[in-house]
Amino acid sequence: MPIISTDQEFVVKHGINGYIVPQKDPRAIANAVVKLYDEHKCKIMGNMSREIIKQYDWRIIAKKAIGEYEKLMSK
């Protein structure tokens, strides 16, 4: 699914897999939803979300953490 969010730039890439809207702005949320449907971007952005979220898989995060730990230990 595409994502409409406030301040989640690490997962939401504005215009790529969703939209980032201002906080406490229901009109901005509604406009983002309408834009998704009017521009037929739900499927495209949903697929992009699926690709982006893969980098947050626990195995990838664990490998990165181990790599950082090994760097620190070698100093």
Protein backbone atom coordinates (compact mmCIF):
# COMPACT_ATOMS: atom_id res chain seq x y z
CA MET A 1 0.00 0.00 0.00
CA PRO A 2 1.11 3.57 -0.51
CA ILE A 3 1.64 5.51 2.71
CA ILE A 4 0.27 8.87 3.78
CA SER A 5 2.09 10.04 6.87
CA THR A 6 3.48 12.93 8.86
CA ASP A 7 7.20 13.07 9.63
CA GLN A 8 8.12 9.51 8.61
CA GLU A 9 10.77 10.35 6.04
CA PHE A 10 12.82 7.24 6.79
CA VAL A 11 10.09 4.99 5.38
CA VAL A 12 8.01 7.36 3.26
CA LYS A 13 9.71 8.83 0.22
CA HIS A 14 7.41 11.70 -0.74
CA GLY A 15 5.98 11.15 -4.20
CA ILE A 16 7.71 7.76 -4.54
CA ASN A 17 5.86 5.41 -2.21
CA GLY A 18 3.44 7.84 -0.61
CA TYR A 19 3.02 11.37 0.62
CA ILE A 20 4.18 13.22 3.69
CA VAL A 21 1.61 15.74 4.87
CA PRO A 22 1.65 18.36 7.63
CA GLN A 23 0.55 17.29 11.08
CA LYS A 24 -3.00 18.02 12.19
CA ASP A 25 -4.09 18.88 8.64
CA PRO A 26 -7.06 16.71 7.68
CA ARG A 27 -7.45 18.57 4.38
CA ALA A 28 -3.87 17.64 3.40
CA ILE A 29 -4.57 13.99 4.23
CA ALA A 30 -7.76 14.06 2.16
CA ASN A 31 -5.95 15.72 -0.75
CA ALA A 32 -3.21 13.09 -0.64
CA VAL A 33 -5.78 10.27 -0.73
CA VAL A 34 -7.58 11.88 -3.67
CA LYS A 35 -4.28 12.41 -5.47
CA LEU A 36 -3.41 8.71 -5.08
CA TYR A 37 -6.65 7.70 -6.74
CA ASP A 38 -6.85 10.48 -9.34
CA GLU A 39 -3.35 9.77 -10.58
CA HIS A 40 -3.76 5.97 -10.33
CA LYS A 41 -0.65 5.69 -8.17
CA CYS A 42 -1.87 3.20 -5.56
CA LYS A 43 -0.38 0.13 -7.18
CA ILE A 44 2.87 1.80 -8.28
CA MET A 45 3.49 3.40 -4.89
CA GLY A 46 2.46 0.22 -3.11
CA ASN A 47 5.09 -1.71 -5.06
CA MET A 48 7.69 0.92 -4.19
CA SER A 49 6.74 0.62 -0.49
CA ARG A 50 7.32 -3.11 -0.72
CA GLU A 51 10.81 -2.53 -2.14
CA ILE A 52 11.74 0.20 0.35
CA ILE A 53 10.63 -1.80 3.38
CA LYS A 54 12.90 -4.70 2.38
CA GLN A 55 15.87 -2.71 3.65
CA TYR A 56 14.30 -2.82 7.12
CA ASP A 57 14.26 -6.64 7.23
CA TRP A 58 15.74 -7.83 10.53
CA ARG A 59 18.45 -9.86 8.77
CA ILE A 60 19.71 -6.78 6.94
CA ILE A 61 19.57 -4.67 10.10
CA ALA A 62 21.44 -7.39 12.03
CA LYS A 63 24.20 -7.55 9.39
CA LYS A 64 24.60 -3.78 9.52
CA ALA A 65 24.73 -3.81 13.33
CA ILE A 66 27.34 -6.59 13.32
CA GLY A 67 29.39 -4.69 10.75
CA GLU A 68 29.34 -1.55 12.90
CA TYR A 69 30.23 -3.57 16.00
CA GLU A 70 33.17 -5.17 14.19
CA LYS A 71 34.41 -1.74 13.08
CA LEU A 72 34.30 -0.50 16.67
CA MET A 73 36.11 -3.60 17.95
CA SER A 74 38.91 -3.23 15.41
CA LYS A 75 39.78 0.29 16.62
